[in-house]
Protein backbone atom coordinates (compact mmCIF):
# COMPACT_ATOMS: atom_id res chain seq x y z
CA UNK A 1 83.57 103.24 110.00
CA UNK A 2 85.44 106.14 111.90
CA UNK A 3 88.75 104.88 113.08
CA UNK A 4 91.36 107.04 114.88
CA UNK A 5 94.20 104.90 113.85
CA UNK A 6 93.47 105.45 110.14
CA UNK A 7 92.90 109.22 110.57
CA UNK A 8 96.31 109.37 112.49
CA UNK A 9 98.00 108.12 109.31
CA UNK A 10 97.08 111.55 107.74
CA UNK A 11 99.04 113.40 110.21
CA UNK A 12 102.16 112.68 108.36
CA UNK A 13 100.68 114.67 105.34
CA UNK A 14 99.71 118.03 107.08
CA UNK A 15 98.87 119.73 103.82
CA UNK A 16 96.45 117.03 103.01
CA UNK A 17 93.80 118.96 105.57
CA UNK A 18 94.60 122.20 103.91
CA UNK A 19 94.17 120.99 100.22
CA UNK A 20 91.24 118.99 101.13
CA UNK A 21 89.22 121.73 102.72
CA UNK A 22 90.32 124.40 100.18
CA UNK A 23 89.06 121.94 97.36
CA UNK A 24 85.74 121.27 99.11
CA UNK A 25 85.19 124.88 99.89
CA UNK A 26 85.93 125.82 96.21
CA UNK A 27 83.88 122.98 94.88
CA UNK A 28 80.72 123.83 97.11
CA UNK A 29 81.10 127.70 96.41
CA UNK A 30 80.90 127.02 92.75
CA UNK A 31 78.02 124.62 93.01
CA UNK A 32 76.03 127.34 95.07
CA UNK A 33 77.05 129.96 92.41
CA UNK A 34 75.91 127.58 89.72
CA UNK A 35 72.52 127.17 91.30
CA UNK A 36 72.10 130.84 91.65
CA UNK A 37 72.90 131.37 88.09
CA UNK A 38 70.56 128.66 86.90
CA UNK A 39 67.77 130.01 88.99
CA UNK A 40 68.30 133.46 87.68
CA UNK A 41 68.35 132.33 84.07
CA UNK A 42 65.21 130.41 84.49
CA UNK A 43 63.47 133.24 85.99
CA UNK A 44 64.79 135.67 83.38
CA UNK A 45 63.73 133.58 80.49
CA UNK A 46 60.46 132.02 81.63
CA UNK A 47 59.16 134.55 84.03
CA UNK A 48 60.53 137.88 82.95
CA UNK A 49 60.68 136.84 79.25
CA UNK A 50 64.06 138.17 78.69
CA UNK A 51 65.86 137.28 75.17
CA UNK A 52 68.82 135.13 74.65
CA UNK A 53 70.99 138.19 74.28
CA UNK A 54 70.10 139.54 77.59
CA UNK A 55 71.34 136.35 79.40
CA UNK A 56 74.18 135.41 77.21
CA UNK A 57 76.81 136.74 79.73
CA UNK A 58 75.34 134.57 82.45
CA UNK A 59 75.35 131.43 80.20
CA UNK A 60 79.03 131.84 79.55
CA UNK A 61 79.70 132.30 83.23
CA UNK A 62 77.65 129.19 83.71
CA UNK A 63 79.76 127.23 81.27
CA UNK A 64 83.08 128.54 83.05
CA UNK A 65 81.80 127.63 86.42
CA UNK A 66 80.86 124.07 85.34
CA UNK A 67 84.52 123.50 83.64
CA UNK A 68 86.10 124.97 86.93
CA UNK A 69 84.04 122.43 89.02
CA UNK A 70 85.24 119.57 86.66
CA UNK A 71 88.87 120.63 87.00
CA UNK A 72 88.52 121.03 90.74
CA UNK A 73 86.99 117.70 91.14
CA UNK A 74 89.50 115.95 88.74
CA UNK A 75 92.45 117.47 90.73
CA UNK A 76 90.88 116.70 94.18
CA UNK A 77 90.40 112.95 92.93
CA UNK A 78 93.87 112.78 91.59
CA UNK A 79 95.30 114.24 94.76
CA UNK A 80 93.32 111.75 96.89
CA UNK A 81 94.60 108.75 94.88
CA UNK A 82 98.12 110.06 95.34
CA UNK A 83 97.74 110.46 98.87
CA UNK A 84 96.13 107.03 99.40
CA UNK A 85 99.10 105.23 97.44
CA UNK A 86 101.56 107.16 99.74
CA UNK A 87 99.76 106.17 102.97
CA UNK A 88 99.60 102.49 101.75
CA UNK A 89 103.23 102.47 100.70
CA UNK A 90 104.01 103.70 104.28
CA UNK A 91 101.92 101.24 106.13
CA UNK A 92 103.07 98.40 104.11
CA UNK A 93 106.74 99.27 104.74
CA UNK A 94 106.07 99.56 108.33
CA UNK A 95 104.01 96.43 108.50
CA UNK A 96 106.95 94.33 106.85
CA UNK A 97 109.27 96.07 109.11
CA UNK A 98 107.27 94.99 111.98
CA UNK A 99 106.89 91.46 110.76
CA UNK A 100 110.61 91.19 110.28
CA UNK A 101 111.27 92.73 113.64
CA UNK A 102 109.26 89.86 115.24
CA UNK A 103 111.70 87.24 113.90
CA UNK A 104 111.74 83.81 112.33
CA UNK A 105 111.36 82.11 115.71
CA UNK A 106 108.06 83.97 116.65
CA UNK A 107 106.63 83.58 113.04
CA UNK A 108 106.97 79.90 113.02
CA UNK A 109 103.59 79.32 114.41
CA UNK A 110 101.90 82.25 112.35
CA UNK A 111 100.02 81.37 109.42
CA UNK A 112 101.89 82.57 106.30
CA UNK A 113 98.68 83.07 104.25
CA UNK A 114 97.34 85.29 107.03
CA UNK A 115 100.65 87.50 107.05
CA UNK A 116 100.56 87.55 103.22
CA UNK A 117 96.81 88.79 103.35
CA UNK A 118 97.96 91.42 105.76
CA UNK A 119 100.49 92.87 103.61
CA UNK A 120 98.60 92.50 100.31
CA UNK A 121 94.71 92.64 100.69
CA UNK A 122 94.48 94.40 103.96
CA UNK A 123 96.89 97.28 103.06
CA UNK A 124 95.02 97.72 99.51
CA UNK A 125 91.64 97.67 101.36
CA UNK A 126 92.91 101.01 102.72
CA UNK A 127 92.91 102.58 99.41
CA UNK A 128 89.28 103.26 98.98
CA UNK A 129 89.16 104.44 102.51
CA UNK A 130 91.63 107.30 101.89
CA UNK A 131 90.77 108.03 98.28
CA UNK A 132 87.07 107.80 98.60
CA UNK A 133 85.64 107.72 101.94
CA UNK A 134 87.85 110.55 103.82
CA UNK A 135 87.49 112.99 100.96
CA UNK A 136 83.78 112.55 101.09
CA UNK A 137 84.01 113.38 105.00
CA UNK A 138 85.56 116.81 104.02
CA UNK A 139 82.92 117.65 101.46
CA UNK A 140 80.26 116.79 104.23
CA UNK A 141 81.93 118.98 106.68
CA UNK A 142 82.14 121.94 104.25
CA UNK A 143 78.92 121.49 102.12
CA UNK A 144 76.33 120.84 104.87
CA UNK A 145 77.07 124.20 106.83
CA UNK A 146 77.66 126.25 103.67
CA UNK A 147 74.43 125.11 101.94
CA UNK A 148 72.46 125.43 105.11
CA UNK A 149 73.52 128.84 105.82
CA UNK A 150 72.94 130.03 102.13
CA UNK A 151 69.36 128.40 102.15
CA UNK A 152 68.38 129.77 105.64
CA UNK A 153 69.44 133.29 104.56
CA UNK A 154 66.95 132.82 101.58
CA UNK A 155 64.15 130.95 103.45
CA UNK A 156 64.26 130.16 107.16
CA UNK A 157 61.44 127.54 106.92
CA UNK A 158 63.48 125.54 104.15
CA UNK A 159 66.55 125.74 106.33
CA UNK A 160 64.92 124.24 109.29
CA UNK A 161 63.48 121.37 107.20
CA UNK A 162 67.09 120.66 105.90
CA UNK A 163 68.31 120.87 109.40
CA UNK A 164 65.89 118.35 110.98
CA UNK A 165 66.10 115.68 108.02
CA UNK A 166 69.77 115.63 107.35
CA UNK A 167 70.70 113.87 110.73
CA UNK A 168 68.44 110.87 109.86
CA UNK A 169 70.96 109.73 107.25
CA UNK A 170 73.93 109.41 109.51
CA UNK A 171 71.81 107.95 112.29
CA UNK A 172 70.72 104.92 109.83
CA UNK A 173 74.31 104.67 108.75
CA UNK A 174 75.58 104.13 112.20
CA UNK A 175 72.70 101.55 112.86
CA UNK A 176 73.50 99.66 109.80
CA UNK A 177 77.27 100.14 110.47
CA UNK A 178 77.07 98.11 113.63
CA UNK A 179 75.40 95.13 111.92
CA UNK A 180 78.01 95.27 109.02
CA UNK A 181 80.96 95.34 111.35
CA UNK A 182 80.32 91.80 112.25
CA UNK A 183 80.25 90.56 108.65
CA UNK A 184 83.37 92.45 107.76
CA UNK A 185 85.47 90.88 110.55
CA UNK A 186 84.10 87.58 109.60
CA UNK A 187 85.18 88.28 106.05
CA UNK A 188 88.68 89.10 106.86
CA UNK A 189 88.74 85.86 108.98
CA UNK A 190 87.47 83.89 106.13
CA UNK A 191 89.97 85.50 103.69
CA UNK A 192 92.85 84.86 106.00
CA UNK A 193 91.79 81.10 106.43
CA UNK A 194 91.39 80.74 102.62
CA UNK A 195 94.78 82.22 102.04
CA UNK A 196 96.56 80.04 104.59
CA UNK A 197 94.89 77.02 103.43
CA UNK A 198 95.68 77.67 99.71
CA UNK A 199 99.13 78.26 100.55
CA UNK A 200 99.52 75.14 102.68
CA UNK A 201 97.87 73.14 99.97
CA UNK A 202 100.32 74.55 97.29
CA UNK A 203 103.41 74.00 99.46
CA UNK A 204 102.27 70.40 100.34
CA UNK A 205 101.20 69.41 96.90
CA UNK A 206 104.04 66.96 96.43
CA UNK A 207 102.87 65.20 99.94
CA UNK A 208 99.33 65.27 99.01
CA UNK A 209 100.14 63.64 95.64
CA UNK A 210 102.33 61.07 97.18
CA UNK A 211 99.40 59.98 99.59
CA UNK A 212 96.62 60.32 96.89
CA UNK A 213 94.91 63.19 98.81
CA UNK A 214 95.22 65.96 96.22
CA UNK A 215 91.70 65.53 95.12
CA UNK A 216 90.21 65.20 98.61
CA UNK A 217 91.59 69.01 99.22
CA UNK A 218 89.20 70.27 96.39
CA UNK A 219 86.32 69.70 98.82
CA UNK A 220 88.21 71.44 101.46
CA UNK A 221 89.18 74.44 99.44
CA UNK A 222 85.49 74.71 98.16
CA UNK A 223 84.23 74.61 101.80
CA UNK A 224 86.60 77.63 102.74
CA UNK A 225 85.89 79.36 99.51
CA UNK A 226 82.15 79.00 100.07
CA UNK A 227 82.32 80.58 103.84
CA UNK A 228 84.47 83.59 102.32
CA UNK A 229 81.47 83.88 99.45
CA UNK A 230 78.71 83.90 102.32
CA UNK A 231 80.49 86.60 104.09
CA UNK A 232 81.06 88.56 101.14
CA UNK A 233 77.48 88.23 100.10
CA UNK A 234 76.24 89.30 103.63
CA UNK A 235 78.34 92.38 103.34
CA UNK A 236 77.06 93.29 99.78
CA UNK A 237 73.36 92.75 101.30
CA UNK A 238 74.03 95.14 103.87
CA UNK A 239 75.64 97.63 101.58
CA UNK A 240 72.65 97.46 99.18
CA UNK A 241 70.29 97.82 102.20
CA UNK A 242 72.12 100.88 103.50
CA UNK A 243 72.22 102.25 99.76
CA UNK A 244 68.27 101.69 99.48
CA UNK A 245 67.64 103.32 102.90
CA UNK A 246 69.78 106.50 102.38
CA UNK A 247 68.35 107.01 98.89
CA UNK A 248 64.87 106.51 100.44
CA UNK A 249 65.61 109.19 103.27
CA UNK A 250 67.24 111.65 100.92
CA UNK A 251 64.48 111.39 98.19
CA UNK A 252 61.63 111.76 100.81
CA UNK A 253 63.50 114.59 102.52
CA UNK A 254 63.73 116.35 99.10
CA UNK A 255 60.06 115.69 98.28
CA UNK A 256 58.90 117.18 101.67
CA UNK A 257 60.99 120.19 100.97
CA UNK A 258 59.63 120.42 97.35
CA UNK A 259 56.06 120.37 98.50
CA UNK A 260 56.47 122.89 101.20
CA UNK A 261 58.03 125.16 98.53
CA UNK A 262 55.30 124.38 96.12
CA UNK A 263 52.57 125.31 98.61
CA UNK A 264 54.40 128.37 99.91
CA UNK A 265 54.95 129.47 96.15
CA UNK A 266 51.40 128.71 95.34
CA UNK A 267 50.16 131.06 98.13
CA UNK A 268 52.69 133.85 97.42
CA UNK A 269 54.74 133.32 100.47
CA UNK A 270 57.97 133.39 98.58
CA UNK A 271 59.23 134.35 95.16
CA UNK A 272 60.00 132.01 92.26
CA UNK A 273 63.75 132.71 92.03
CA UNK A 274 64.29 131.89 95.81
CA UNK A 275 62.00 128.76 95.56
CA UNK A 276 63.66 127.22 92.36
CA UNK A 277 67.20 128.00 93.81
CA UNK A 278 66.41 126.15 97.16
CA UNK A 279 64.99 123.26 95.03
CA UNK A 280 68.13 123.13 92.98
CA UNK A 281 70.25 123.12 96.35
CA UNK A 282 68.28 120.30 98.02
CA UNK A 283 69.87 117.48 96.06
CA UNK A 284 73.09 119.00 96.53
CA UNK A 285 72.67 119.23 100.15
CA UNK A 286 71.80 115.46 100.57
CA UNK A 287 74.15 114.30 97.86
CA UNK A 288 77.13 114.44 100.16
CA UNK A 289 75.45 112.29 102.81
CA UNK A 290 74.06 109.88 100.01
CA UNK A 291 77.80 109.67 98.73
CA UNK A 292 78.89 108.74 102.20
CA UNK A 293 76.63 105.79 102.04
CA UNK A 294 77.87 104.86 98.84
CA UNK A 295 81.39 104.74 100.28
CA UNK A 296 79.96 102.79 103.23
CA UNK A 297 81.44 99.54 102.01
CA UNK A 298 84.90 101.14 101.77
CA UNK A 299 84.75 102.58 105.07
CA UNK A 300 83.99 99.22 106.57
CA UNK A 301 86.50 97.43 104.72
CA UNK A 302 89.11 99.96 105.76
CA UNK A 303 88.26 99.68 109.40
CA UNK A 304 88.30 95.82 109.20
CA UNK A 305 91.68 96.11 107.53
CA UNK A 306 92.99 98.28 110.22
CA UNK A 307 91.79 95.78 112.95
CA UNK A 308 94.21 93.37 111.15
CA UNK A 309 97.10 95.62 110.60
CA UNK A 310 97.50 97.81 113.53
CA UNK A 311 97.68 95.20 116.09
CA UNK A 312 100.88 94.39 114.32
CA UNK A 313 102.11 97.81 113.99
CA UNK A 314 101.46 98.77 117.55
CA UNK A 315 101.95 95.47 119.45
CA UNK A 316 104.70 93.39 120.84
CA UNK A 317 106.67 93.56 117.53
CA UNK A 318 107.79 97.16 118.17
CA UNK A 319 108.44 96.61 121.83
CA UNK A 320 111.71 94.93 120.75
CA UNK A 321 114.79 96.84 120.81
CA UNK A 322 113.46 99.98 122.48
CA UNK A 323 116.80 101.10 123.87
CA UNK A 324 117.85 104.30 122.19
CA UNK A 325 121.52 104.98 121.12
CA UNK A 326 122.33 101.25 120.76
CA UNK A 327 125.87 100.38 120.58
CA UNK A 328 127.27 99.64 117.23
CA UNK A 329 129.83 96.61 117.51
CA UNK A 330 132.27 97.35 115.15
CA UNK A 331 135.27 95.56 116.42
CA UNK A 332 136.33 91.99 115.87
CA UNK A 333 134.33 89.57 118.05
CA UNK A 334 136.70 88.18 120.69
CA UNK A 335 134.37 86.77 123.43
CA UNK A 336 131.08 85.43 123.92
CA UNK A 337 129.74 85.04 127.48
CA UNK A 338 126.32 83.36 128.22
CA UNK A 339 125.61 83.90 131.98
CA UNK A 340 122.58 82.25 133.62
CA UNK A 341 120.28 82.56 130.70
CA UNK A 342 116.42 81.64 131.25
CA UNK A 343 113.54 81.92 128.59
CA UNK A 344 110.08 81.02 128.44
CA UNK A 345 107.65 81.04 125.48
CA UNK A 346 104.25 82.67 125.50
CA UNK A 347 102.78 79.46 126.49
CA UNK A 348 104.69 79.64 129.76
CA UNK A 349 106.79 76.76 128.95
CA UNK A 350 110.41 77.15 130.02
CA UNK A 351 112.60 76.31 127.12
CA UNK A 352 116.01 77.37 128.77
CA UNK A 353 116.75 77.33 132.41
CA UNK A 354 119.98 78.87 133.95
CA UNK A 355 122.22 78.11 131.06
CA UNK A 356 125.91 79.38 131.32
CA UNK A 357 129.07 79.06 129.21
CA UNK A 358 131.78 81.29 127.52
CA UNK A 359 133.50 81.11 124.21
CA UNK A 360 136.79 82.43 123.48
CA UNK A 361 138.18 83.20 120.06
CA UNK A 362 138.55 80.30 117.66
CA UNK A 363 136.65 78.02 119.78
CA UNK A 364 134.45 75.24 118.30
CA UNK A 365 131.46 74.05 120.33
CA UNK A 366 128.63 71.64 119.76
CA UNK A 367 125.07 71.56 121.10
CA UNK A 368 123.50 68.11 121.34
CA UNK A 369 120.68 66.58 122.86
CA UNK A 370 117.11 64.95 122.49
CA UNK A 371 114.62 66.90 120.45
CA UNK A 372 112.97 69.66 122.51
CA UNK A 373 116.02 70.15 124.55
CA UNK A 374 116.38 73.75 123.87
CA UNK A 375 119.16 73.82 121.48
CA UNK A 376 117.26 75.90 118.78
CA UNK A 377 116.17 78.38 121.42
CA UNK A 378 119.59 79.08 122.83
CA UNK A 379 120.71 79.72 119.23
CA UNK A 380 117.73 82.01 118.69
CA UNK A 381 118.55 83.95 121.76
CA UNK A 382 122.22 84.24 120.86
CA UNK A 383 121.20 85.43 117.31
CA UNK A 384 119.00 88.10 118.95
CA UNK A 385 115.76 86.88 117.57
CA UNK A 386 114.35 86.37 121.09
CA UNK A 387 115.29 89.44 123.53
CA UNK A 388 112.87 88.82 126.39
CA UNK A 389 115.32 86.58 128.19
CA UNK A 390 116.53 86.72 131.77
CA UNK A 391 120.28 86.66 132.60
CA UNK A 392 122.95 88.16 130.51
CA UNK A 393 124.51 87.57 126.91
CA UNK A 394 127.78 89.64 126.48
CA UNK A 395 129.49 90.15 123.47
CA UNK A 396 133.04 91.63 123.85
CA UNK A 397 131.62 92.52 127.50
CA UNK A 398 128.60 94.26 126.00
CA UNK A 399 125.09 93.24 126.82
CA UNK A 400 123.36 91.97 123.46
CA UNK A 401 120.15 93.92 124.23
CA UNK A 402 122.04 97.23 124.14
CA UNK A 403 123.78 96.44 120.87
CA UNK A 404 122.25 97.63 117.61
CA UNK A 405 120.55 94.69 115.94
CA UNK A 406 121.98 95.28 112.39
CA UNK A 407 125.47 95.72 113.80
CA UNK A 408 125.22 92.30 115.52
CA UNK A 409 123.69 90.39 112.65
CA UNK A 410 126.75 91.61 110.52
CA UNK A 411 128.93 89.56 113.00
CA UNK A 412 127.56 86.23 112.59
CA UNK A 413 126.41 83.67 109.99
CA UNK A 414 123.77 80.99 110.24
CA UNK A 415 123.48 77.82 108.09
CA UNK A 416 120.16 76.17 108.63
CA UNK A 417 119.23 72.44 107.71
CA UNK A 418 116.84 73.84 105.04
CA UNK A 419 118.51 77.12 103.64
CA UNK A 420 116.26 79.26 101.44
CA UNK A 421 117.07 80.06 97.81
CA UNK A 422 115.47 83.14 96.44
CA UNK A 423 114.27 83.45 92.96
CA UNK A 424 117.37 84.81 91.50
CA UNK A 425 120.62 83.95 89.98
CA UNK A 426 123.16 81.57 91.78
CA UNK A 427 125.44 84.50 92.03
CA UNK A 428 122.95 86.75 93.53
CA UNK A 429 121.95 83.94 96.09
CA UNK A 430 125.41 83.74 97.23
CA UNK A 431 126.13 87.53 97.37
CA UNK A 432 123.00 88.10 99.39
CA UNK A 433 125.28 88.01 102.57
CA UNK A 434 127.51 90.73 101.01
CA UNK A 435 125.95 92.48 98.00
CA UNK A 436 129.01 94.61 97.71
CA UNK A 437 131.28 91.66 96.94
CA UNK A 438 132.94 91.62 93.57
CA UNK A 439 132.47 88.97 90.95
CA UNK A 440 136.16 87.87 91.65
CA UNK A 441 135.46 87.27 95.44
CA UNK A 442 132.34 85.42 94.85
CA UNK A 443 134.34 83.04 92.27
CA UNK A 444 137.08 82.63 94.80
CA UNK A 445 134.64 81.58 97.56
CA UNK A 446 132.91 79.20 95.04
CA UNK A 447 136.14 77.41 94.05
CA UNK A 448 137.37 76.96 97.63
CA UNK A 449 134.23 75.35 98.66
CA UNK A 450 133.60 73.33 95.51
CA UNK A 451 130.40 75.16 94.58
CA UNK A 452 131.73 75.94 91.02
CA UNK A 453 132.06 72.34 90.29
CA UNK A 454 128.38 71.72 89.75
CA UNK A 455 127.66 75.32 88.74
CA UNK A 456 129.84 75.19 85.61
CA UNK A 457 127.56 72.17 84.35
CA UNK A 458 124.45 74.31 84.59
CA UNK A 459 122.99 76.10 81.38
CA UNK A 460 123.96 79.59 82.45
CA UNK A 461 126.52 78.91 85.16
CA UNK A 462 126.43 81.50 87.98
CA UNK A 463 123.47 83.33 86.17
CA UNK A 464 121.14 80.29 86.35
CA UNK A 465 117.89 81.25 88.09
CA UNK A 466 117.18 79.06 91.04
CA UNK A 467 114.33 79.21 93.67
CA UNK A 468 110.53 79.44 93.11
CA UNK A 469 110.22 78.68 89.41
CA UNK A 470 113.94 78.35 88.71
CA UNK A 471 116.20 75.32 87.98
CA UNK A 472 115.93 72.60 90.92
CA UNK A 473 119.03 72.01 92.85
CA UNK A 474 119.77 69.02 94.89
CA UNK A 475 119.73 69.24 98.81
CA UNK A 476 123.55 69.22 99.00
CA UNK A 477 123.99 71.73 96.20
CA UNK A 478 121.59 74.12 98.15
CA UNK A 479 123.66 73.56 101.17
CA UNK A 480 126.96 74.56 99.43
CA UNK A 481 125.47 77.56 98.23
CA UNK A 482 124.24 78.39 101.84
CA UNK A 483 127.91 77.68 103.11
CA UNK A 484 129.06 80.08 100.24
CA UNK A 485 126.83 82.81 101.61
CA UNK A 486 128.24 82.30 105.09
CA UNK A 487 131.86 82.29 104.03
CA UNK A 488 131.60 85.27 101.68
CA UNK A 489 129.93 87.36 104.54
CA UNK A 490 133.21 87.00 106.56
CA UNK A 491 131.55 86.73 109.83
CA UNK A 492 133.13 86.31 113.24
CA UNK A 493 130.81 83.65 114.41
CA UNK A 494 129.46 80.75 112.27
CA UNK A 495 126.32 78.84 113.48
CA UNK A 496 125.63 75.49 111.79
CA UNK A 497 122.36 73.78 112.26
CA UNK A 498 123.68 70.43 111.14
CA UNK A 499 123.68 71.08 107.35
CA UNK A 500 124.79 67.59 106.62
CA UNK A 501 121.82 65.91 108.10
CA UNK A 502 119.78 63.65 105.72
CA UNK A 503 122.55 63.60 102.92
CA UNK A 504 124.40 60.75 101.57
CA UNK A 505 128.02 59.86 102.52
CA UNK A 506 129.62 61.42 99.53
CA UNK A 507 127.70 64.56 99.71
CA UNK A 508 128.34 64.98 103.38
CA UNK A 509 132.01 64.67 102.98
CA UNK A 510 132.01 67.40 100.47
CA UNK A 511 129.91 69.54 102.78
CA UNK A 512 132.27 68.49 105.52
CA UNK A 513 135.19 69.83 103.88
CA UNK A 514 133.35 73.16 103.00
CA UNK A 515 132.52 73.46 106.73
CA UNK A 516 136.08 73.04 107.72
CA UNK A 517 137.06 75.89 105.33
CA UNK A 518 134.52 78.30 106.50
CA UNK A 519 135.06 77.49 110.38
CA UNK A 520 138.82 78.25 110.26
CA UNK A 521 139.85 81.14 112.84
CA UNK A 522 136.25 81.76 113.71
CA UNK A 523 133.95 80.95 116.65
CA UNK A 524 131.86 78.06 115.56
CA UNK A 525 128.63 76.80 117.26
CA UNK A 526 127.08 73.52 115.83
CA UNK A 527 123.80 72.06 116.67
CA UNK A 528 124.49 68.64 115.97
CA UNK A 529 122.52 65.56 114.67
CA UNK A 530 125.53 63.69 113.12
CA UNK A 531 128.70 62.49 115.19
CA UNK A 532 131.26 63.30 112.42
CA UNK A 533 130.27 66.87 112.62
CA UNK A 534 130.99 67.21 116.33
CA UNK A 535 133.55 64.86 117.27
CA UNK A 536 136.56 67.50 116.89
CA UNK A 537 134.73 70.12 118.88
CA UNK A 538 136.58 71.85 121.71
CA UNK A 539 133.57 71.58 123.91
CA UNK A 540 130.33 69.62 123.67
CA UNK A 541 127.12 70.70 125.49
CA UNK A 542 124.63 68.24 126.15
CA UNK A 543 121.15 69.70 126.67
CA UNK A 544 117.97 68.27 127.99
CA UNK A 545 114.86 70.10 129.20
CA UNK A 546 116.46 73.47 128.69
CA UNK A 547 119.43 72.66 130.97
CA UNK A 548 122.93 71.59 130.52
CA UNK A 549 123.56 68.38 131.74
CA UNK A 550 127.07 67.60 130.67
CA UNK A 551 130.00 69.43 128.87
CA UNK A 552 133.34 68.34 127.71
CA UNK A 553 135.21 66.75 124.74
CA UNK A 554 133.88 63.64 122.94
CA UNK A 555 136.31 61.27 124.60
CA UNK A 556 135.50 62.70 128.15
CA UNK A 557 131.75 62.37 127.67
CA UNK A 558 132.01 58.97 126.29
CA UNK A 559 134.25 57.93 129.25
CA UNK A 560 131.51 59.37 131.64
CA UNK A 561 128.91 57.25 130.49
CA UNK A 562 126.12 59.89 130.88
CA UNK A 563 123.36 60.96 128.35
CA UNK A 564 125.92 61.86 125.45
CA UNK A 565 127.10 58.25 125.68
CA UNK A 566 123.56 56.78 125.53
CA UNK A 567 122.84 58.98 122.38
CA UNK A 568 125.94 58.02 120.65
CA UNK A 569 125.59 54.39 121.32
CA UNK A 570 121.92 54.38 120.47
CA UNK A 571 122.39 56.16 117.25
CA UNK A 572 122.68 54.36 113.80
CA UNK A 573 124.73 55.56 110.80
CA UNK A 574 126.37 58.34 112.79
CA UNK A 575 123.06 59.82 114.17
CA UNK A 576 123.24 60.76 117.69
CA UNK A 577 119.43 61.52 117.95
């Protein structure tokens, strides 16, 4: 229930402690005052037989106290909700930033459903922790000592009874909490599994339909949902059990105190006013502890959520780019030098081994080789998505690790085989690379690359919504939009991950012309799968098992008769893989 990481989040809002403590002191003080007034009123009316006119002032004051308590309670609840929203927003922003920092390469093996549940359900689970559980702790820390002191001043025996019985409640909460922690962890695992599974089913629905397996997934979804239900029901059982135990202890403790007070009052050991006041304070004394039990589920959910969130916030994702005062590369890119680069993934597999090459201005190179040869890893290293490499990557003579990440990403543009279109207009999807670009600039780029040819035929032209839930575009049209992004960005380095693969010949020619346009007067690196894309490259590097086996022009490599020659001659329809 108590998690230092979650408490640490409150440190960004120092006044929270002051306001929380002040509100709790005010509320408890008014509660004690209210009990004193009620005890005096009952004593005056029923014991002293005073008339209404003699107690009217006390009644008015009692009404004022009740109103003030309501106002303070309402303000405190509002403030706690506001703080919870602020903390959730901060955690979510940092979480998303940490996920982005990790980069697309390392996220390839992550479950998207799990990451989504972290950013949504896990962060939302912190709401009750900060808006209900933490405020309840403030009330306990203030009310228990204050009430115990006031009661002990009136009657030491009653104070001792309260002092002895109160610790029983937190002891049972801790015992039950250890049991509940196991179920909470399982619940979050089940939730992540269910989220990931549902996402996979939705994304692969067309494949499932094609193979007639869509209905069989219903059973799989049912099993995953059932596991989540069982874990949730287990947590609810523990929550009800904890509520029962805490209520029983609090009720028995109040009953014991009431019996002691009744016996002592009967034998004249104390007066009615003090006895009635202590009896009124007994429920108020145990109520915060019972309230903490009611917030038990919120506390456990918050802690389980923290166990999922904070490893991301505190782990390896923030170990990237730890060098302070990074260089902002502002000048035009004129040289790229890769010297003796090696890189291994977490599995220990060496993806790149002692790779070296240099690029001068306006150079076009291609990376070819069998699948798994290290082409994509090499590009990921150059783009800065993987930084824990051996060797050196220098840009204009500056080490990549020492360059500010955002400054470097402005210098290159990447066009993948399967570019992502976001749910937005075509205009917005193109301008994502340079949001400040004018409509005229975007239109000019579209005309040069031939994008406007198909856009003008769409219902709303450049304002047509594409992406999730939008109008469907062909593979070639999506690739043209991706090339438009790269061209509009005005980057010095263009990285092409064979955007013409798996397209028909006519569409490939259109894209080929667009690629020629965006590649002029720039560094160009192409991961090649099609011979027409690379045949005119200045240098072709052939990779296998993370090493460069051959390098040269197309004619030179074909004449050498090595791996490149084998790939080209074995290919069909222009494929070299």
